[in-house]
Full PDB file with SEQRES, HELIX, SHEET, SSBOND, CRYST1, ORIGX, SCALE, CONECT and MASTER records, all heavy atoms in Angstrom:
SEQRES   1 A   36  ASP HIS THR PRO GLN THR ALA ALA LEU PHE HIS PRO ILE          
SEQRES   2 A   36  SER ILE ARG ALA SER LYS GLY CYS LEU VAL ASN SER GLY          
SEQRES   3 A   36  GLU GLY ALA ALA VAL ALA ALA GLY ASN VAL                      
HELIX    1 AA1 ALA A    7  PHE A   10  5                                   4    
CRYST1    1.000    1.000    1.000  90.00  90.00  90.00 P 1           1          
ORIGX1      1.000000  0.000000  0.000000        0.00000                         
ORIGX2      0.000000  1.000000  0.000000        0.00000                         
ORIGX3      0.000000  0.000000  1.000000        0.00000                         
SCALE1      1.000000  0.000000  0.000000        0.00000                         
SCALE2      0.000000  1.000000  0.000000        0.00000                         
SCALE3      0.000000  0.000000  1.000000        0.00000                         
ATOM      1  N   ASP A   1     -14.228  21.640  53.562  1.00  0.00           N  
ATOM      2  CA  ASP A   1     -13.623  21.547  54.893  1.00  0.00           C  
ATOM      3  C   ASP A   1     -14.643  21.210  55.976  1.00  0.00           C  
ATOM      4  O   ASP A   1     -14.333  20.509  56.939  1.00  0.00           O  
ATOM      5  CB  ASP A   1     -12.925  22.865  55.251  1.00  0.00           C  
ATOM      6  CG  ASP A   1     -11.676  23.102  54.420  1.00  0.00           C  
ATOM      7  OD1 ASP A   1     -11.204  22.147  53.770  1.00  0.00           O  
ATOM      8  OD2 ASP A   1     -11.173  24.245  54.412  1.00  0.00           O  
ATOM      9  N   HIS A   2     -15.860  21.725  55.843  1.00  0.00           N  
ATOM     10  CA  HIS A   2     -16.856  21.578  56.904  1.00  0.00           C  
ATOM     11  C   HIS A   2     -17.599  20.238  56.847  1.00  0.00           C  
ATOM     12  O   HIS A   2     -18.526  20.007  57.613  1.00  0.00           O  
ATOM     13  CB  HIS A   2     -17.880  22.719  56.831  1.00  0.00           C  
ATOM     14  CG  HIS A   2     -18.649  22.753  55.540  1.00  0.00           C  
ATOM     15  ND1 HIS A   2     -18.239  23.501  54.458  1.00  0.00           N  
ATOM     16  CD2 HIS A   2     -19.788  22.119  55.143  1.00  0.00           C  
ATOM     17  CE1 HIS A   2     -19.100  23.331  53.464  1.00  0.00           C  
ATOM     18  NE2 HIS A   2     -20.044  22.498  53.852  1.00  0.00           N  
ATOM     19  N   THR A   3     -17.188  19.343  55.958  1.00  0.00           N  
ATOM     20  CA  THR A   3     -17.865  18.054  55.817  1.00  0.00           C  
ATOM     21  C   THR A   3     -17.805  17.266  57.128  1.00  0.00           C  
ATOM     22  O   THR A   3     -16.721  17.101  57.688  1.00  0.00           O  
ATOM     23  CB  THR A   3     -17.204  17.221  54.706  1.00  0.00           C  
ATOM     24  OG1 THR A   3     -17.248  17.961  53.484  1.00  0.00           O  
ATOM     25  CG2 THR A   3     -17.912  15.891  54.526  1.00  0.00           C  
ATOM     26  N   PRO A   4     -18.925  16.760  57.634  1.00  0.00           N  
ATOM     27  CA  PRO A   4     -18.887  15.939  58.853  1.00  0.00           C  
ATOM     28  C   PRO A   4     -18.057  14.682  58.627  1.00  0.00           C  
ATOM     29  O   PRO A   4     -18.206  13.996  57.608  1.00  0.00           O  
ATOM     30  CB  PRO A   4     -20.358  15.583  59.098  1.00  0.00           C  
ATOM     31  CG  PRO A   4     -21.137  16.621  58.349  1.00  0.00           C  
ATOM     32  CD  PRO A   4     -20.305  16.973  57.151  1.00  0.00           C  
ATOM     33  N   GLN A   5     -17.189  14.367  59.583  1.00  0.00           N  
ATOM     34  CA  GLN A   5     -16.241  13.267  59.424  1.00  0.00           C  
ATOM     35  C   GLN A   5     -16.850  11.954  59.910  1.00  0.00           C  
ATOM     36  O   GLN A   5     -16.604  11.520  61.033  1.00  0.00           O  
ATOM     37  CB  GLN A   5     -14.969  13.563  60.211  1.00  0.00           C  
ATOM     38  CG  GLN A   5     -14.283  14.860  59.812  1.00  0.00           C  
ATOM     39  CD  GLN A   5     -13.499  14.720  58.525  1.00  0.00           C  
ATOM     40  OE1 GLN A   5     -14.026  14.945  57.452  1.00  0.00           O  
ATOM     41  NE2 GLN A   5     -12.266  14.338  58.633  1.00  0.00           N  
ATOM     42  N   THR A   6     -17.629  11.294  59.091  1.00  0.00           N  
ATOM     43  CA  THR A   6     -18.207  10.007  59.462  1.00  0.00           C  
ATOM     44  C   THR A   6     -17.843   8.957  58.424  1.00  0.00           C  
ATOM     45  O   THR A   6     -17.421   9.272  57.304  1.00  0.00           O  
ATOM     46  CB  THR A   6     -19.740  10.062  59.589  1.00  0.00           C  
ATOM     47  OG1 THR A   6     -20.329   9.931  58.293  1.00  0.00           O  
ATOM     48  CG2 THR A   6     -20.219  11.343  60.252  1.00  0.00           C  
ATOM     49  N   ALA A   7     -18.039   7.691  58.793  1.00  0.00           N  
ATOM     50  CA  ALA A   7     -17.748   6.586  57.875  1.00  0.00           C  
ATOM     51  C   ALA A   7     -18.618   6.637  56.631  1.00  0.00           C  
ATOM     52  O   ALA A   7     -18.242   6.114  55.576  1.00  0.00           O  
ATOM     53  CB  ALA A   7     -17.939   5.253  58.601  1.00  0.00           C  
ATOM     54  N   ALA A   8     -19.785   7.278  56.722  1.00  0.00           N  
ATOM     55  CA  ALA A   8     -20.712   7.319  55.597  1.00  0.00           C  
ATOM     56  C   ALA A   8     -20.177   8.117  54.417  1.00  0.00           C  
ATOM     57  O   ALA A   8     -20.667   7.960  53.291  1.00  0.00           O  
ATOM     58  CB  ALA A   8     -22.052   7.904  56.047  1.00  0.00           C  
ATOM     59  N   LEU A   9     -19.178   8.971  54.659  1.00  0.00           N  
ATOM     60  CA  LEU A   9     -18.553   9.694  53.549  1.00  0.00           C  
ATOM     61  C   LEU A   9     -18.086   8.743  52.461  1.00  0.00           C  
ATOM     62  O   LEU A   9     -18.073   9.082  51.271  1.00  0.00           O  
ATOM     63  CB  LEU A   9     -17.336  10.471  54.060  1.00  0.00           C  
ATOM     64  CG  LEU A   9     -17.548  11.700  54.937  1.00  0.00           C  
ATOM     65  CD1 LEU A   9     -16.208  12.226  55.394  1.00  0.00           C  
ATOM     66  CD2 LEU A   9     -18.319  12.770  54.200  1.00  0.00           C  
ATOM     67  N   PHE A  10     -17.698   7.537  52.875  1.00  0.00           N  
ATOM     68  CA  PHE A  10     -17.026   6.629  51.959  1.00  0.00           C  
ATOM     69  C   PHE A  10     -17.929   5.486  51.490  1.00  0.00           C  
ATOM     70  O   PHE A  10     -17.456   4.570  50.815  1.00  0.00           O  
ATOM     71  CB  PHE A  10     -15.764   6.086  52.637  1.00  0.00           C  
ATOM     72  CG  PHE A  10     -14.936   7.182  53.259  1.00  0.00           C  
ATOM     73  CD1 PHE A  10     -14.703   7.221  54.630  1.00  0.00           C  
ATOM     74  CD2 PHE A  10     -14.412   8.198  52.483  1.00  0.00           C  
ATOM     75  CE1 PHE A  10     -13.962   8.238  55.204  1.00  0.00           C  
ATOM     76  CE2 PHE A  10     -13.675   9.228  53.041  1.00  0.00           C  
ATOM     77  CZ  PHE A  10     -13.440   9.252  54.411  1.00  0.00           C  
ATOM     78  N   HIS A  11     -19.213   5.562  51.810  1.00  0.00           N  
ATOM     79  CA  HIS A  11     -20.139   4.539  51.323  1.00  0.00           C  
ATOM     80  C   HIS A  11     -20.168   4.448  49.793  1.00  0.00           C  
ATOM     81  O   HIS A  11     -20.330   3.344  49.247  1.00  0.00           O  
ATOM     82  CB  HIS A  11     -21.546   4.804  51.863  1.00  0.00           C  
ATOM     83  CG  HIS A  11     -21.694   4.478  53.322  1.00  0.00           C  
ATOM     84  ND1 HIS A  11     -22.833   4.755  54.051  1.00  0.00           N  
ATOM     85  CD2 HIS A  11     -20.838   3.889  54.204  1.00  0.00           C  
ATOM     86  CE1 HIS A  11     -22.671   4.356  55.301  1.00  0.00           C  
ATOM     87  NE2 HIS A  11     -21.470   3.837  55.413  1.00  0.00           N  
ATOM     88  N   PRO A  12     -19.995   5.569  49.074  1.00  0.00           N  
ATOM     89  CA  PRO A  12     -20.049   5.463  47.601  1.00  0.00           C  
ATOM     90  C   PRO A  12     -18.779   4.872  46.976  1.00  0.00           C  
ATOM     91  O   PRO A  12     -18.717   4.730  45.758  1.00  0.00           O  
ATOM     92  CB  PRO A  12     -20.237   6.924  47.150  1.00  0.00           C  
ATOM     93  CG  PRO A  12     -20.620   7.689  48.366  1.00  0.00           C  
ATOM     94  CD  PRO A  12     -19.985   6.981  49.500  1.00  0.00           C  
ATOM     95  N   ILE A  13     -17.769   4.560  47.791  1.00  0.00           N  
ATOM     96  CA  ILE A  13     -16.462   4.149  47.263  1.00  0.00           C  
ATOM     97  C   ILE A  13     -16.222   2.679  47.565  1.00  0.00           C  
ATOM     98  O   ILE A  13     -16.266   2.255  48.730  1.00  0.00           O  
ATOM     99  CB  ILE A  13     -15.332   5.005  47.879  1.00  0.00           C  
ATOM    100  CG1 ILE A  13     -15.601   6.493  47.612  1.00  0.00           C  
ATOM    101  CG2 ILE A  13     -13.980   4.592  47.315  1.00  0.00           C  
ATOM    102  CD1 ILE A  13     -14.803   7.424  48.486  1.00  0.00           C  
ATOM    103  N   SER A  14     -15.963   1.899  46.545  1.00  0.00           N  
ATOM    104  CA  SER A  14     -15.648   0.474  46.694  1.00  0.00           C  
ATOM    105  C   SER A  14     -14.179   0.249  46.362  1.00  0.00           C  
ATOM    106  O   SER A  14     -13.642   0.851  45.421  1.00  0.00           O  
ATOM    107  CB  SER A  14     -16.509  -0.382  45.760  1.00  0.00           C  
ATOM    108  OG  SER A  14     -17.884  -0.213  46.046  1.00  0.00           O  
ATOM    109  N   ILE A  15     -13.530  -0.619  47.127  1.00  0.00           N  
ATOM    110  CA  ILE A  15     -12.109  -0.918  46.936  1.00  0.00           C  
ATOM    111  C   ILE A  15     -11.964  -2.385  46.543  1.00  0.00           C  
ATOM    112  O   ILE A  15     -12.526  -3.274  47.194  1.00  0.00           O  
ATOM    113  CB  ILE A  15     -11.304  -0.626  48.214  1.00  0.00           C  
ATOM    114  CG1 ILE A  15     -11.423   0.849  48.597  1.00  0.00           C  
ATOM    115  CG2 ILE A  15      -9.837  -1.015  48.036  1.00  0.00           C  
ATOM    116  CD1 ILE A  15     -10.840   1.191  49.945  1.00  0.00           C  
ATOM    117  N   ARG A  16     -11.199  -2.622  45.487  1.00  0.00           N  
ATOM    118  CA  ARG A  16     -10.925  -3.985  45.044  1.00  0.00           C  
ATOM    119  C   ARG A  16      -9.418  -4.211  45.037  1.00  0.00           C  
ATOM    120  O   ARG A  16      -8.672  -3.478  44.379  1.00  0.00           O  
ATOM    121  CB  ARG A  16     -11.499  -4.228  43.642  1.00  0.00           C  
ATOM    122  CG  ARG A  16     -13.018  -4.130  43.573  1.00  0.00           C  
ATOM    123  CD  ARG A  16     -13.524  -4.298  42.145  1.00  0.00           C  
ATOM    124  NE  ARG A  16     -14.975  -4.182  42.081  1.00  0.00           N  
ATOM    125  CZ  ARG A  16     -15.667  -4.148  40.943  1.00  0.00           C  
ATOM    126  NH1 ARG A  16     -15.019  -4.237  39.780  1.00  0.00           N  
ATOM    127  NH2 ARG A  16     -16.985  -4.041  40.958  1.00  0.00           N  
ATOM    128  N   ALA A  17      -8.974  -5.204  45.788  1.00  0.00           N  
ATOM    129  CA  ALA A  17      -7.553  -5.558  45.832  1.00  0.00           C  
ATOM    130  C   ALA A  17      -7.450  -7.040  46.153  1.00  0.00           C  
ATOM    131  O   ALA A  17      -7.979  -7.497  47.175  1.00  0.00           O  
ATOM    132  CB  ALA A  17      -6.821  -4.731  46.885  1.00  0.00           C  
ATOM    133  N   SER A  18      -6.796  -7.783  45.312  1.00  0.00           N  
ATOM    134  CA  SER A  18      -6.704  -9.229  45.488  1.00  0.00           C  
ATOM    135  C   SER A  18      -5.926  -9.567  46.760  1.00  0.00           C  
ATOM    136  O   SER A  18      -4.889  -8.957  47.047  1.00  0.00           O  
ATOM    137  CB  SER A  18      -6.003  -9.860  44.284  1.00  0.00           C  
ATOM    138  OG  SER A  18      -6.713  -9.606  43.096  1.00  0.00           O  
ATOM    139  N   LYS A  19      -6.432 -10.543  47.504  1.00  0.00           N  
ATOM    140  CA  LYS A  19      -5.727 -10.999  48.697  1.00  0.00           C  
ATOM    141  C   LYS A  19      -4.356 -11.529  48.307  1.00  0.00           C  
ATOM    142  O   LYS A  19      -4.214 -12.286  47.343  1.00  0.00           O  
ATOM    143  CB  LYS A  19      -6.525 -12.110  49.386  1.00  0.00           C  
ATOM    144  CG  LYS A  19      -5.989 -12.494  50.751  1.00  0.00           C  
ATOM    145  CD  LYS A  19      -6.190 -11.386  51.770  1.00  0.00           C  
ATOM    146  CE  LYS A  19      -5.806 -11.831  53.177  1.00  0.00           C  
ATOM    147  NZ  LYS A  19      -5.957 -10.750  54.167  1.00  0.00           N  
ATOM    148  N   GLY A  20      -3.343 -11.092  49.042  1.00  0.00           N  
ATOM    149  CA  GLY A  20      -1.983 -11.521  48.744  1.00  0.00           C  
ATOM    150  C   GLY A  20      -1.205 -10.566  47.873  1.00  0.00           C  
ATOM    151  O   GLY A  20      -0.019 -10.786  47.603  1.00  0.00           O  
ATOM    152  N   CYS A  21      -1.855  -9.473  47.431  1.00  0.00           N  
ATOM    153  CA  CYS A  21      -1.098  -8.457  46.699  1.00  0.00           C  
ATOM    154  C   CYS A  21      -0.498  -7.469  47.694  1.00  0.00           C  
ATOM    155  O   CYS A  21      -0.782  -7.503  48.900  1.00  0.00           O  
ATOM    156  CB  CYS A  21      -1.963  -7.750  45.657  1.00  0.00           C  
ATOM    157  SG  CYS A  21      -3.090  -6.499  46.311  1.00  0.00           S  
ATOM    158  N   LEU A  22       0.328  -6.581  47.195  1.00  0.00           N  
ATOM    159  CA  LEU A  22       1.066  -5.655  48.055  1.00  0.00           C  
ATOM    160  C   LEU A  22       0.155  -4.796  48.912  1.00  0.00           C  
ATOM    161  O   LEU A  22       0.503  -4.451  50.047  1.00  0.00           O  
ATOM    162  CB  LEU A  22       1.954  -4.772  47.174  1.00  0.00           C  
ATOM    163  CG  LEU A  22       2.961  -3.867  47.886  1.00  0.00           C  
ATOM    164  CD1 LEU A  22       4.035  -4.695  48.575  1.00  0.00           C  
ATOM    165  CD2 LEU A  22       3.602  -2.901  46.883  1.00  0.00           C  
ATOM    166  N   VAL A  23      -1.024  -4.438  48.408  1.00  0.00           N  
ATOM    167  CA  VAL A  23      -1.913  -3.526  49.123  1.00  0.00           C  
ATOM    168  C   VAL A  23      -3.054  -4.264  49.835  1.00  0.00           C  
ATOM    169  O   VAL A  23      -3.978  -3.631  50.348  1.00  0.00           O  
ATOM    170  CB  VAL A  23      -2.471  -2.436  48.183  1.00  0.00           C  
ATOM    171  CG1 VAL A  23      -1.332  -1.608  47.598  1.00  0.00           C  
ATOM    172  CG2 VAL A  23      -3.319  -3.037  47.068  1.00  0.00           C  
ATOM    173  N   ASN A  24      -2.985  -5.586  49.870  1.00  0.00           N  
ATOM    174  CA  ASN A  24      -3.927  -6.399  50.652  1.00  0.00           C  
ATOM    175  C   ASN A  24      -3.197  -7.667  51.064  1.00  0.00           C  
ATOM    176  O   ASN A  24      -3.554  -8.779  50.686  1.00  0.00           O  
ATOM    177  CB  ASN A  24      -5.183  -6.735  49.841  1.00  0.00           C  
ATOM    178  CG  ASN A  24      -6.236  -7.459  50.669  1.00  0.00           C  
ATOM    179  OD1 ASN A  24      -6.145  -7.559  51.896  1.00  0.00           O  
ATOM    180  ND2 ASN A  24      -7.258  -7.977  50.002  1.00  0.00           N  
ATOM    181  N   SER A  25      -2.159  -7.475  51.862  1.00  0.00           N  
ATOM    182  CA  SER A  25      -1.237  -8.567  52.165  1.00  0.00           C  
ATOM    183  C   SER A  25      -1.875  -9.587  53.105  1.00  0.00           C  
ATOM    184  O   SER A  25      -2.805  -9.285  53.850  1.00  0.00           O  
ATOM    185  CB  SER A  25       0.050  -8.017  52.782  1.00  0.00           C  
ATOM    186  OG  SER A  25      -0.229  -7.199  53.899  1.00  0.00           O  
ATOM    187  N   GLY A  26      -1.345 -10.794  53.054  1.00  0.00           N  
ATOM    188  CA  GLY A  26      -1.848 -11.878  53.881  1.00  0.00           C  
ATOM    189  C   GLY A  26      -1.328 -11.804  55.303  1.00  0.00           C  
ATOM    190  O   GLY A  26      -0.283 -11.192  55.584  1.00  0.00           O  
ATOM    191  N   GLU A  27      -2.051 -12.427  56.213  1.00  0.00           N  
ATOM    192  CA  GLU A  27      -1.671 -12.414  57.620  1.00  0.00           C  
ATOM    193  C   GLU A  27      -0.282 -13.019  57.809  1.00  0.00           C  
ATOM    194  O   GLU A  27       0.074 -14.003  57.167  1.00  0.00           O  
ATOM    195  CB  GLU A  27      -2.702 -13.179  58.447  1.00  0.00           C  
ATOM    196  CG  GLU A  27      -4.058 -12.497  58.477  1.00  0.00           C  
ATOM    197  CD  GLU A  27      -5.029 -13.184  59.424  1.00  0.00           C  
ATOM    198  OE1 GLU A  27      -4.564 -13.841  60.367  1.00  0.00           O  
ATOM    199  OE2 GLU A  27      -6.238 -13.063  59.208  1.00  0.00           O  
ATOM    200  N   GLY A  28       0.483 -12.392  58.699  1.00  0.00           N  
ATOM    201  CA  GLY A  28       1.836 -12.848  58.981  1.00  0.00           C  
ATOM    202  C   GLY A  28       2.901 -12.105  58.209  1.00  0.00           C  
ATOM    203  O   GLY A  28       4.093 -12.202  58.539  1.00  0.00           O  
ATOM    204  N   ALA A  29       2.509 -11.358  57.167  1.00  0.00           N  
ATOM    205  CA  ALA A  29       3.485 -10.597  56.388  1.00  0.00           C  
ATOM    206  C   ALA A  29       4.030  -9.434  57.216  1.00  0.00           C  
ATOM    207  O   ALA A  29       3.332  -8.858  58.053  1.00  0.00           O  
ATOM    208  CB  ALA A  29       2.838 -10.061  55.113  1.00  0.00           C  
ATOM    209  N   ALA A  30       5.279  -9.093  56.978  1.00  0.00           N  
ATOM    210  CA  ALA A  30       5.880  -7.925  57.627  1.00  0.00           C  
ATOM    211  C   ALA A  30       5.253  -6.654  57.048  1.00  0.00           C  
ATOM    212  O   ALA A  30       5.172  -6.510  55.825  1.00  0.00           O  
ATOM    213  CB  ALA A  30       7.385  -7.926  57.412  1.00  0.00           C  
ATOM    214  N   VAL A  31       4.823  -5.734  57.934  1.00  0.00           N  
ATOM    215  CA  VAL A  31       4.032  -4.584  57.475  1.00  0.00           C  
ATOM    216  C   VAL A  31       4.490  -3.245  58.053  1.00  0.00           C  
ATOM    217  O   VAL A  31       3.813  -2.239  57.868  1.00  0.00           O  
ATOM    218  CB  VAL A  31       2.536  -4.783  57.821  1.00  0.00           C  
ATOM    219  CG1 VAL A  31       1.968  -5.999  57.118  1.00  0.00           C  
ATOM    220  CG2 VAL A  31       2.323  -4.895  59.341  1.00  0.00           C  
ATOM    221  N   ALA A  32       5.630  -3.217  58.749  1.00  0.00           N  
ATOM    222  CA  ALA A  32       6.015  -1.981  59.448  1.00  0.00           C  
ATOM    223  C   ALA A  32       6.033  -0.775  58.525  1.00  0.00           C  
ATOM    224  O   ALA A  32       5.609   0.325  58.901  1.00  0.00           O  
ATOM    225  CB  ALA A  32       7.382  -2.153  60.111  1.00  0.00           C  
ATOM    226  N   ALA A  33       6.520  -0.960  57.290  1.00  0.00           N  
ATOM    227  CA  ALA A  33       6.616   0.167  56.362  1.00  0.00           C  
ATOM    228  C   ALA A  33       5.385   0.320  55.482  1.00  0.00           C  
ATOM    229  O   ALA A  33       5.246   1.332  54.794  1.00  0.00           O  
ATOM    230  CB  ALA A  33       7.857   0.022  55.478  1.00  0.00           C  
ATOM    231  N   GLY A  34       4.492  -0.672  55.489  1.00  0.00           N  
ATOM    232  CA  GLY A  34       3.273  -0.534  54.698  1.00  0.00           C  
ATOM    233  C   GLY A  34       2.453   0.655  55.148  1.00  0.00           C  
ATOM    234  O   GLY A  34       1.891   1.402  54.338  1.00  0.00           O  
ATOM    235  N   ASN A  35       2.405   0.844  56.444  1.00  0.00           N  
ATOM    236  CA  ASN A  35       1.640   1.934  57.044  1.00  0.00           C  
ATOM    237  C   ASN A  35       2.230   3.301  56.737  1.00  0.00           C  
ATOM    238  O   ASN A  35       1.504   4.286  56.593  1.00  0.00           O  
ATOM    239  CB  ASN A  35       1.591   1.708  58.558  1.00  0.00           C  
ATOM    240  CG  ASN A  35       0.756   2.708  59.300  1.00  0.00           C  
ATOM    241  OD1 ASN A  35      -0.428   2.821  59.064  1.00  0.00           O  
ATOM    242  ND2 ASN A  35       1.378   3.445  60.205  1.00  0.00           N  
ATOM    243  N   VAL A  36       3.558   3.367  56.625  1.00  0.00           N  
ATOM    244  CA  VAL A  36       4.221   4.666  56.530  1.00  0.00           C  
ATOM    245  C   VAL A  36       4.784   4.983  55.145  1.00  0.00           C  
ATOM    246  O   VAL A  36       4.934   6.163  54.790  1.00  0.00           O  
ATOM    247  CB  VAL A  36       5.356   4.773  57.581  1.00  0.00           C  
ATOM    248  CG1 VAL A  36       4.772   4.850  58.975  1.00  0.00           C  
ATOM    249  CG2 VAL A  36       6.323   3.584  57.481  1.00  0.00           C  
TER     250      VAL A  36                                                      
MASTER        0    0    0    1    0    0    0    6  249    1    0    3          
END                                                                             
């Protein structure tokens, strides 16, 4: 719980998602529900 909340927490984590897939959609796509 006491971990300092900085961006560096996530330096060890890499994310791979192909452009144009559901979780890395292209510009112009409808996204209202992607966030929620």
